[in-house]
Amino acid sequence: MIRRALFLLCLLSLVWTAAAPAGGFDCVKPPYGATISSINDNDYFVKFSEKEGVTYYNYTGPCKLGVHERLAPVIVYGAVDGKLYSRIMKTEHDDIDIIKAVTTKLAGTPQTVTEGEWLVMSWDFPEKRIKMKLKYNSASQATKSAIYYEPLRPKAAPAPEESLEK
């Protein structure tokens, strides 16, 4: 009888654990404006730099974006006043046709300009107060992109996608 009760308890705890929400941070849909402390329950955000009012973090927890299936992106998160402000990403050897197809499908048609070797695409989502910018270098096939929460953007800071340049 005790063995059956223990087995049942173990089985119920496994079912409950499998059904429990992951909680914490969703890297696909970051909760911009949320405090880092409220989304860092597993200490996955590791602070590595602070510049011009923005604190930069590596996220060391589980994260799978669509870009991970074809490239090895460098991804950094920024916080202003302890609140999640931006996701900054860099890639190498990217394909502009894939970039255009994916971003248009996910975010709509961007505003596009050329700045030297860089094709600059930007999107504005006023209802969410979020902006997105992606720069593609036609010579090196590198990208620099950022999604950021406009209310937290420091006035004196460089553009988010340029903020990690040395």
N, C-alpha and C. Protein backbone atom coordinates (compact mmCIF):
# COMPACT_ATOMS: atom_id res chain seq x y z
N MET A 1 0.81 -1.19 0.00
CA MET A 1 0.00 0.00 0.00
C MET A 1 0.86 1.26 0.00
N ILE A 2 1.91 1.28 0.82
CA ILE A 2 2.79 2.44 0.89
C ILE A 2 3.51 2.62 -0.44
N ARG A 3 3.93 1.49 -1.04
CA ARG A 3 4.60 1.57 -2.35
C ARG A 3 3.69 2.18 -3.40
N ARG A 4 2.42 1.78 -3.39
CA ARG A 4 1.46 2.33 -4.35
C ARG A 4 1.28 3.84 -4.12
N ALA A 5 1.19 4.23 -2.87
CA ALA A 5 1.00 5.65 -2.55
C ALA A 5 2.22 6.45 -3.00
N LEU A 6 3.43 5.93 -2.75
CA LEU A 6 4.65 6.63 -3.19
C LEU A 6 4.71 6.70 -4.71
N PHE A 7 4.35 5.58 -5.36
CA PHE A 7 4.35 5.58 -6.82
C PHE A 7 3.36 6.61 -7.36
N LEU A 8 2.17 6.68 -6.77
CA LEU A 8 1.16 7.64 -7.19
C LEU A 8 1.64 9.08 -6.96
N LEU A 9 2.26 9.34 -5.82
CA LEU A 9 2.79 10.67 -5.54
C LEU A 9 3.87 11.05 -6.55
N CYS A 10 4.76 10.11 -6.86
CA CYS A 10 5.81 10.38 -7.85
C CYS A 10 5.21 10.65 -9.22
N LEU A 11 4.23 9.86 -9.59
CA LEU A 11 3.57 10.05 -10.88
C LEU A 11 2.88 11.40 -10.95
N LEU A 12 2.17 11.77 -9.90
CA LEU A 12 1.49 13.06 -9.87
C LEU A 12 2.49 14.22 -9.91
N SER A 13 3.62 14.08 -9.22
CA SER A 13 4.60 15.17 -9.25
C SER A 13 5.23 15.30 -10.63
N LEU A 14 5.42 14.19 -11.33
CA LEU A 14 5.95 14.26 -12.70
C LEU A 14 4.95 14.93 -13.63
N VAL A 15 3.69 14.59 -13.51
CA VAL A 15 2.66 15.20 -14.34
C VAL A 15 2.57 16.69 -14.04
N TRP A 16 2.58 17.06 -12.77
CA TRP A 16 2.49 18.48 -12.39
C TRP A 16 3.71 19.24 -12.91
N THR A 17 4.90 18.68 -12.80
CA THR A 17 6.11 19.35 -13.27
C THR A 17 6.07 19.54 -14.78
N ALA A 18 5.61 18.54 -15.51
CA ALA A 18 5.55 18.65 -16.96
C ALA A 18 4.52 19.70 -17.39
N ALA A 19 3.46 19.86 -16.60
CA ALA A 19 2.41 20.81 -16.96
C ALA A 19 2.67 22.21 -16.42
N ALA A 20 3.63 22.33 -15.51
CA ALA A 20 3.90 23.64 -14.91
C ALA A 20 4.46 24.59 -15.96
N PRO A 21 4.04 25.85 -15.93
CA PRO A 21 4.57 26.80 -16.89
C PRO A 21 6.05 27.05 -16.65
N ALA A 22 6.75 27.32 -17.73
CA ALA A 22 8.19 27.55 -17.62
C ALA A 22 8.47 28.82 -16.82
N GLY A 23 7.62 29.82 -16.92
CA GLY A 23 7.82 31.05 -16.17
C GLY A 23 9.06 31.78 -16.64
N GLY A 24 9.38 32.84 -15.97
CA GLY A 24 10.60 33.55 -16.29
C GLY A 24 10.51 34.33 -17.58
N PHE A 25 11.51 34.16 -18.42
CA PHE A 25 11.73 35.01 -19.57
C PHE A 25 11.44 34.30 -20.89
N ASP A 26 10.74 34.97 -21.78
CA ASP A 26 10.47 34.46 -23.12
C ASP A 26 11.30 35.28 -24.11
N CYS A 27 12.37 34.71 -24.63
CA CYS A 27 13.28 35.46 -25.51
C CYS A 27 12.64 35.77 -26.86
N VAL A 28 11.62 35.05 -27.26
CA VAL A 28 10.95 35.31 -28.53
C VAL A 28 10.08 36.57 -28.42
N LYS A 29 9.42 36.73 -27.30
CA LYS A 29 8.58 37.91 -27.07
C LYS A 29 8.98 38.54 -25.74
N PRO A 30 10.11 39.25 -25.73
CA PRO A 30 10.57 39.85 -24.48
C PRO A 30 9.57 40.85 -23.93
N PRO A 31 9.39 40.86 -22.62
CA PRO A 31 8.44 41.80 -22.00
C PRO A 31 9.08 43.17 -21.78
N TYR A 32 9.22 43.93 -22.85
CA TYR A 32 9.86 45.24 -22.75
C TYR A 32 9.16 46.10 -21.71
N GLY A 33 9.96 46.77 -20.89
CA GLY A 33 9.44 47.60 -19.82
C GLY A 33 9.37 46.88 -18.48
N ALA A 34 9.44 45.53 -18.51
CA ALA A 34 9.44 44.76 -17.26
C ALA A 34 10.79 44.93 -16.56
N THR A 35 10.77 44.83 -15.25
CA THR A 35 12.04 44.92 -14.52
C THR A 35 12.85 43.65 -14.74
N ILE A 36 14.16 43.81 -14.84
CA ILE A 36 15.03 42.64 -15.00
C ILE A 36 14.83 41.69 -13.83
N SER A 37 14.69 42.23 -12.63
CA SER A 37 14.52 41.36 -11.45
C SER A 37 13.26 40.49 -11.56
N SER A 38 12.21 40.98 -12.21
CA SER A 38 10.98 40.19 -12.32
C SER A 38 11.07 39.08 -13.36
N ILE A 39 12.02 39.16 -14.28
CA ILE A 39 12.16 38.12 -15.32
C ILE A 39 13.45 37.32 -15.16
N ASN A 40 14.15 37.54 -14.07
CA ASN A 40 15.46 36.91 -13.86
C ASN A 40 15.43 35.92 -12.70
N ASP A 41 14.32 35.17 -12.58
CA ASP A 41 14.20 34.27 -11.45
C ASP A 41 15.26 33.16 -11.43
N ASN A 42 15.87 32.86 -12.54
CA ASN A 42 16.91 31.82 -12.57
C ASN A 42 18.32 32.39 -12.71
N ASP A 43 18.45 33.70 -12.56
CA ASP A 43 19.75 34.38 -12.68
C ASP A 43 20.39 34.14 -14.05
N TYR A 44 19.57 34.08 -15.09
CA TYR A 44 20.09 33.88 -16.45
C TYR A 44 20.62 35.17 -17.07
N PHE A 45 20.19 36.32 -16.56
CA PHE A 45 20.71 37.58 -17.07
C PHE A 45 22.01 37.90 -16.35
N VAL A 46 23.09 38.01 -17.12
CA VAL A 46 24.41 38.27 -16.56
C VAL A 46 24.88 39.63 -17.06
N LYS A 47 25.00 40.56 -16.14
CA LYS A 47 25.43 41.92 -16.48
C LYS A 47 26.89 41.90 -16.92
N PHE A 48 27.20 42.58 -18.04
CA PHE A 48 28.60 42.64 -18.47
C PHE A 48 29.09 44.03 -18.79
N SER A 49 28.18 45.01 -18.93
CA SER A 49 28.64 46.35 -19.29
C SER A 49 27.58 47.37 -18.94
N GLU A 50 28.03 48.60 -18.82
CA GLU A 50 27.12 49.72 -18.60
C GLU A 50 27.69 50.92 -19.33
N LYS A 51 26.88 51.52 -20.21
CA LYS A 51 27.31 52.68 -20.99
C LYS A 51 26.14 53.63 -21.18
N GLU A 52 26.39 54.89 -20.95
CA GLU A 52 25.44 55.96 -21.28
C GLU A 52 24.01 55.67 -20.83
N GLY A 53 23.87 55.17 -19.61
CA GLY A 53 22.55 54.94 -19.04
C GLY A 53 21.92 53.61 -19.38
N VAL A 54 22.62 52.75 -20.13
CA VAL A 54 22.09 51.44 -20.49
C VAL A 54 22.98 50.36 -19.87
N THR A 55 22.36 49.41 -19.20
CA THR A 55 23.08 48.27 -18.64
C THR A 55 22.87 47.10 -19.59
N TYR A 56 23.97 46.41 -19.96
CA TYR A 56 23.90 45.33 -20.94
C TYR A 56 24.05 43.98 -20.26
N TYR A 57 23.24 43.03 -20.74
CA TYR A 57 23.21 41.69 -20.18
C TYR A 57 23.35 40.63 -21.27
N ASN A 58 24.05 39.56 -20.94
CA ASN A 58 23.97 38.33 -21.71
C ASN A 58 22.85 37.52 -21.07
N TYR A 59 22.08 36.85 -21.89
CA TYR A 59 21.06 35.95 -21.38
C TYR A 59 21.58 34.54 -21.55
N THR A 60 21.80 33.83 -20.45
CA THR A 60 22.43 32.52 -20.49
C THR A 60 21.44 31.37 -20.37
N GLY A 61 20.16 31.68 -20.38
CA GLY A 61 19.14 30.64 -20.26
C GLY A 61 18.72 30.09 -21.61
N PRO A 62 17.74 29.22 -21.60
CA PRO A 62 17.26 28.62 -22.85
C PRO A 62 16.60 29.68 -23.74
N CYS A 63 16.99 29.69 -24.98
CA CYS A 63 16.44 30.66 -25.93
C CYS A 63 16.62 30.10 -27.34
N LYS A 64 15.53 30.06 -28.09
CA LYS A 64 15.63 29.61 -29.48
C LYS A 64 14.82 30.55 -30.34
N LEU A 65 15.53 31.32 -31.15
CA LEU A 65 14.90 32.19 -32.13
C LEU A 65 15.01 31.52 -33.49
N GLY A 66 14.21 31.94 -34.44
CA GLY A 66 14.27 31.37 -35.79
C GLY A 66 15.66 31.48 -36.40
N VAL A 67 16.37 32.57 -36.13
CA VAL A 67 17.70 32.78 -36.69
C VAL A 67 18.70 31.71 -36.22
N HIS A 68 18.45 31.09 -35.07
CA HIS A 68 19.34 30.05 -34.56
C HIS A 68 19.39 28.82 -35.48
N GLU A 69 18.40 28.66 -36.32
CA GLU A 69 18.37 27.49 -37.21
C GLU A 69 19.32 27.63 -38.39
N ARG A 70 19.83 28.86 -38.63
CA ARG A 70 20.71 29.04 -39.78
C ARG A 70 21.98 29.81 -39.49
N LEU A 71 22.06 30.49 -38.33
CA LEU A 71 23.24 31.30 -38.00
C LEU A 71 23.54 31.21 -36.51
N ALA A 72 24.68 31.76 -36.13
CA ALA A 72 25.06 31.85 -34.71
C ALA A 72 25.06 33.32 -34.30
N PRO A 73 23.89 33.83 -33.91
CA PRO A 73 23.81 35.25 -33.58
C PRO A 73 24.45 35.58 -32.24
N VAL A 74 24.89 36.82 -32.11
CA VAL A 74 25.29 37.37 -30.83
C VAL A 74 24.09 38.20 -30.37
N ILE A 75 23.57 37.88 -29.18
CA ILE A 75 22.37 38.54 -28.69
C ILE A 75 22.66 39.15 -27.32
N VAL A 76 22.30 40.41 -27.16
CA VAL A 76 22.51 41.14 -25.93
C VAL A 76 21.22 41.87 -25.59
N TYR A 77 20.93 41.96 -24.31
CA TYR A 77 19.75 42.69 -23.84
C TYR A 77 20.20 43.93 -23.10
N GLY A 78 19.45 45.02 -23.27
CA GLY A 78 19.75 46.27 -22.58
C GLY A 78 18.64 46.61 -21.61
N ALA A 79 19.03 47.24 -20.51
CA ALA A 79 18.06 47.70 -19.52
C ALA A 79 18.35 49.15 -19.18
N VAL A 80 17.31 49.90 -18.95
CA VAL A 80 17.40 51.29 -18.51
C VAL A 80 16.61 51.39 -17.21
N ASP A 81 17.25 51.93 -16.20
CA ASP A 81 16.62 52.03 -14.87
C ASP A 81 16.08 50.69 -14.39
N GLY A 82 16.83 49.61 -14.71
CA GLY A 82 16.45 48.27 -14.26
C GLY A 82 15.34 47.63 -15.05
N LYS A 83 14.89 48.27 -16.15
CA LYS A 83 13.79 47.75 -16.95
C LYS A 83 14.28 47.33 -18.33
N LEU A 84 13.74 46.22 -18.83
CA LEU A 84 14.14 45.71 -20.14
C LEU A 84 13.82 46.72 -21.23
N TYR A 85 14.84 47.13 -21.93
CA TYR A 85 14.73 48.19 -22.93
C TYR A 85 14.94 47.68 -24.35
N SER A 86 15.91 46.76 -24.55
CA SER A 86 16.23 46.38 -25.93
C SER A 86 16.78 44.97 -26.04
N ARG A 87 16.67 44.45 -27.27
CA ARG A 87 17.38 43.23 -27.66
C ARG A 87 18.21 43.61 -28.87
N ILE A 88 19.50 43.42 -28.77
CA ILE A 88 20.43 43.78 -29.83
C ILE A 88 21.04 42.49 -30.36
N MET A 89 21.11 42.37 -31.68
CA MET A 89 21.61 41.14 -32.27
C MET A 89 22.57 41.46 -33.42
N LYS A 90 23.61 40.65 -33.52
CA LYS A 90 24.55 40.74 -34.65
C LYS A 90 24.67 39.35 -35.26
N THR A 91 24.81 39.33 -36.59
CA THR A 91 25.07 38.07 -37.29
C THR A 91 26.15 38.31 -38.33
N GLU A 92 26.73 37.24 -38.78
CA GLU A 92 27.73 37.27 -39.86
C GLU A 92 27.25 36.37 -40.99
N HIS A 93 27.62 36.69 -42.20
CA HIS A 93 27.34 35.86 -43.38
C HIS A 93 25.84 35.59 -43.55
N ASP A 94 25.07 36.64 -43.44
CA ASP A 94 23.62 36.50 -43.54
C ASP A 94 23.19 36.65 -45.00
N ASP A 95 21.96 36.29 -45.28
CA ASP A 95 21.41 36.32 -46.63
C ASP A 95 20.28 37.35 -46.68
N ILE A 96 20.45 38.40 -47.46
CA ILE A 96 19.48 39.49 -47.50
C ILE A 96 18.10 39.03 -47.98
N ASP A 97 18.05 38.05 -48.87
CA ASP A 97 16.75 37.57 -49.34
C ASP A 97 15.98 36.89 -48.20
N ILE A 98 16.69 36.12 -47.38
CA ILE A 98 16.04 35.48 -46.23
C ILE A 98 15.62 36.54 -45.22
N ILE A 99 16.49 37.52 -44.97
CA ILE A 99 16.16 38.59 -44.03
C ILE A 99 14.88 39.30 -44.47
N LYS A 100 14.83 39.69 -45.72
CA LYS A 100 13.65 40.41 -46.23
C LYS A 100 12.39 39.56 -46.13
N ALA A 101 12.48 38.30 -46.50
CA ALA A 101 11.30 37.42 -46.46
C ALA A 101 10.81 37.23 -45.03
N VAL A 102 11.73 36.94 -44.10
CA VAL A 102 11.33 36.68 -42.72
C VAL A 102 10.80 37.94 -42.04
N THR A 103 11.54 39.04 -42.16
CA THR A 103 11.11 40.26 -41.47
C THR A 103 9.79 40.79 -42.03
N THR A 104 9.60 40.71 -43.33
CA THR A 104 8.35 41.18 -43.92
C THR A 104 7.19 40.31 -43.45
N LYS A 105 7.41 39.01 -43.39
CA LYS A 105 6.36 38.10 -42.93
C LYS A 105 6.01 38.38 -41.46
N LEU A 106 7.03 38.61 -40.62
CA LEU A 106 6.79 38.79 -39.19
C LEU A 106 6.39 40.22 -38.80
N ALA A 107 6.94 41.22 -39.52
CA ALA A 107 6.76 42.59 -39.06
C ALA A 107 6.14 43.52 -40.10
N GLY A 108 5.94 43.05 -41.31
CA GLY A 108 5.39 43.91 -42.35
C GLY A 108 6.48 44.57 -43.18
N THR A 109 6.07 45.39 -44.09
CA THR A 109 7.01 46.07 -44.99
C THR A 109 7.75 47.17 -44.25
N PRO A 110 9.08 47.15 -44.28
CA PRO A 110 9.84 48.17 -43.56
C PRO A 110 10.02 49.45 -44.36
N GLN A 111 10.37 50.51 -43.65
CA GLN A 111 10.91 51.69 -44.32
C GLN A 111 12.35 51.33 -44.61
N THR A 112 12.83 51.64 -45.82
CA THR A 112 14.18 51.23 -46.21
C THR A 112 14.95 52.41 -46.78
N VAL A 113 16.21 52.53 -46.33
CA VAL A 113 17.14 53.53 -46.86
C VAL A 113 18.51 52.88 -46.97
N THR A 114 19.38 53.50 -47.74
CA THR A 114 20.75 53.02 -47.86
C THR A 114 21.67 54.06 -47.25
N GLU A 115 22.58 53.60 -46.39
CA GLU A 115 23.59 54.46 -45.76
C GLU A 115 24.95 53.84 -46.05
N GLY A 116 25.60 54.30 -47.11
CA GLY A 116 26.88 53.71 -47.50
C GLY A 116 26.71 52.26 -47.89
N GLU A 117 27.45 51.36 -47.24
CA GLU A 117 27.35 49.93 -47.51
C GLU A 117 26.17 49.27 -46.81
N TRP A 118 25.46 50.02 -45.99
CA TRP A 118 24.41 49.45 -45.16
C TRP A 118 23.02 49.70 -45.76
N LEU A 119 22.24 48.64 -45.87
CA LEU A 119 20.82 48.73 -46.16
C LEU A 119 20.14 48.80 -44.80
N VAL A 120 19.37 49.84 -44.55
CA VAL A 120 18.75 50.04 -43.24
C VAL A 120 17.24 49.88 -43.36
N MET A 121 16.71 48.93 -42.62
CA MET A 121 15.27 48.67 -42.61
C MET A 121 14.76 48.98 -41.21
N SER A 122 13.61 49.69 -41.15
CA SER A 122 13.07 50.01 -39.83
C SER A 122 11.55 49.86 -39.81
N TRP A 123 11.06 49.55 -38.63
CA TRP A 123 9.64 49.35 -38.40
C TRP A 123 9.27 50.10 -37.14
N ASP A 124 8.06 50.58 -37.07
CA ASP A 124 7.56 51.29 -35.91
C ASP A 124 6.23 50.66 -35.53
N PHE A 125 6.09 50.28 -34.28
CA PHE A 125 4.85 49.70 -33.77
C PHE A 125 4.33 50.59 -32.64
N PRO A 126 3.68 51.72 -33.00
CA PRO A 126 3.28 52.69 -31.98
C PRO A 126 2.32 52.13 -30.93
N GLU A 127 1.49 51.17 -31.31
CA GLU A 127 0.55 50.61 -30.34
C GLU A 127 1.27 49.86 -29.23
N LYS A 128 2.47 49.35 -29.51
CA LYS A 128 3.27 48.65 -28.49
C LYS A 128 4.41 49.53 -27.98
N ARG A 129 4.58 50.69 -28.61
CA ARG A 129 5.66 51.63 -28.31
C ARG A 129 7.04 50.97 -28.51
N ILE A 130 7.11 50.13 -29.54
CA ILE A 130 8.34 49.40 -29.87
C ILE A 130 8.80 49.82 -31.26
N LYS A 131 10.10 49.93 -31.42
CA LYS A 131 10.70 50.18 -32.73
C LYS A 131 11.69 49.07 -33.02
N MET A 132 11.87 48.79 -34.30
CA MET A 132 12.80 47.76 -34.71
C MET A 132 13.63 48.31 -35.88
N LYS A 133 14.92 48.02 -35.84
CA LYS A 133 15.80 48.47 -36.91
C LYS A 133 16.78 47.35 -37.22
N LEU A 134 17.01 47.13 -38.51
CA LEU A 134 17.97 46.13 -38.95
C LEU A 134 18.85 46.74 -40.02
N LYS A 135 20.16 46.59 -39.84
CA LYS A 135 21.12 47.08 -40.82
C LYS A 135 21.84 45.88 -41.42
N TYR A 136 21.93 45.88 -42.75
CA TYR A 136 22.60 44.79 -43.47
C TYR A 136 23.73 45.39 -44.29
N ASN A 137 24.94 44.87 -44.09
CA ASN A 137 26.11 45.33 -44.83
C ASN A 137 26.28 44.46 -46.07
N SER A 138 26.10 45.05 -47.23
CA SER A 138 26.16 44.28 -48.47
C SER A 138 27.56 43.74 -48.76
N ALA A 139 28.60 44.40 -48.29
CA ALA A 139 29.97 43.94 -48.54
C ALA A 139 30.35 42.76 -47.66
N SER A 140 30.03 42.83 -46.36
CA SER A 140 30.44 41.78 -45.43
C SER A 140 29.34 40.78 -45.12
N GLN A 141 28.11 41.06 -45.51
CA GLN A 141 26.93 40.24 -45.21
C GLN A 141 26.68 40.14 -43.71
N ALA A 142 27.08 41.17 -42.97
CA ALA A 142 26.83 41.23 -41.53
C ALA A 142 25.54 42.00 -41.27
N THR A 143 24.90 41.69 -40.16
CA THR A 143 23.73 42.45 -39.74
C THR A 143 23.95 42.98 -38.33
N LYS A 144 23.29 44.09 -38.06
CA LYS A 144 23.17 44.65 -36.72
C LYS A 144 21.71 45.02 -36.59
N SER A 145 21.06 44.53 -35.55
CA SER A 145 19.65 44.84 -35.41
C SER A 145 19.31 45.11 -33.95
N ALA A 146 18.21 45.80 -33.76
CA ALA A 146 17.73 46.07 -32.41
C ALA A 146 16.22 46.21 -32.42
N ILE A 147 15.64 45.71 -31.36
CA ILE A 147 14.24 45.97 -31.05
C ILE A 147 14.30 46.71 -29.73
N TYR A 148 13.61 47.83 -29.64
CA TYR A 148 13.69 48.57 -28.39
C TYR A 148 12.37 49.22 -28.03
N TYR A 149 12.22 49.42 -26.74
CA TYR A 149 11.02 50.01 -26.15
C TYR A 149 11.26 51.51 -26.07
N GLU A 150 10.59 52.24 -26.93
CA GLU A 150 10.83 53.68 -27.11
C GLU A 150 10.71 54.50 -25.82
N PRO A 151 9.75 54.25 -24.92
CA PRO A 151 9.66 55.08 -23.72
C PRO A 151 10.92 55.04 -22.83
N LEU A 152 11.71 53.98 -22.93
CA LEU A 152 12.91 53.88 -22.10
C LEU A 152 14.18 54.33 -22.81
N ARG A 153 14.10 54.67 -24.08
CA ARG A 153 15.30 55.01 -24.84
C ARG A 153 15.95 56.28 -24.28
N PRO A 154 17.20 56.17 -23.84
CA PRO A 154 17.90 57.35 -23.35
C PRO A 154 18.14 58.33 -24.49
N LYS A 155 17.93 59.60 -24.23
CA LYS A 155 18.06 60.62 -25.27
C LYS A 155 19.50 60.75 -25.78
N ALA A 156 20.50 60.61 -24.91
CA ALA A 156 21.89 60.82 -25.31
C ALA A 156 22.58 59.55 -25.82
N ALA A 157 21.95 58.41 -25.67
CA ALA A 157 22.58 57.15 -26.07
C ALA A 157 22.58 56.99 -27.58
N PRO A 158 23.58 56.25 -28.11
CA PRO A 158 23.59 55.98 -29.55
C PRO A 158 22.43 55.06 -29.93
N ALA A 159 22.20 54.93 -31.22
CA ALA A 159 21.17 54.01 -31.68
C ALA A 159 21.45 52.63 -31.08
N PRO A 160 20.41 51.92 -30.62
CA PRO A 160 20.64 50.65 -29.94
C PRO A 160 21.51 49.66 -30.72
N GLU A 161 21.32 49.57 -32.05
CA GLU A 161 22.10 48.62 -32.82
C GLU A 161 23.57 49.02 -32.94
N GLU A 162 23.91 50.26 -32.62
CA GLU A 162 25.29 50.74 -32.67
C GLU A 162 25.93 50.80 -31.28
N SER A 163 25.14 50.56 -30.25
CA SER A 163 25.59 50.82 -28.89
C SER A 163 26.71 49.90 -28.40
N LEU A 164 26.90 48.76 -29.00
CA LEU A 164 27.93 47.84 -28.53
C LEU A 164 29.23 47.94 -29.33
N GLU A 165 29.26 48.83 -30.29
CA GLU A 165 30.49 49.02 -31.07
C GLU A 165 31.56 49.61 -30.18
N LYS A 166 32.79 49.22 -30.42
CA LYS A 166 33.89 49.74 -29.59
C LYS A 166 34.43 51.01 -30.16
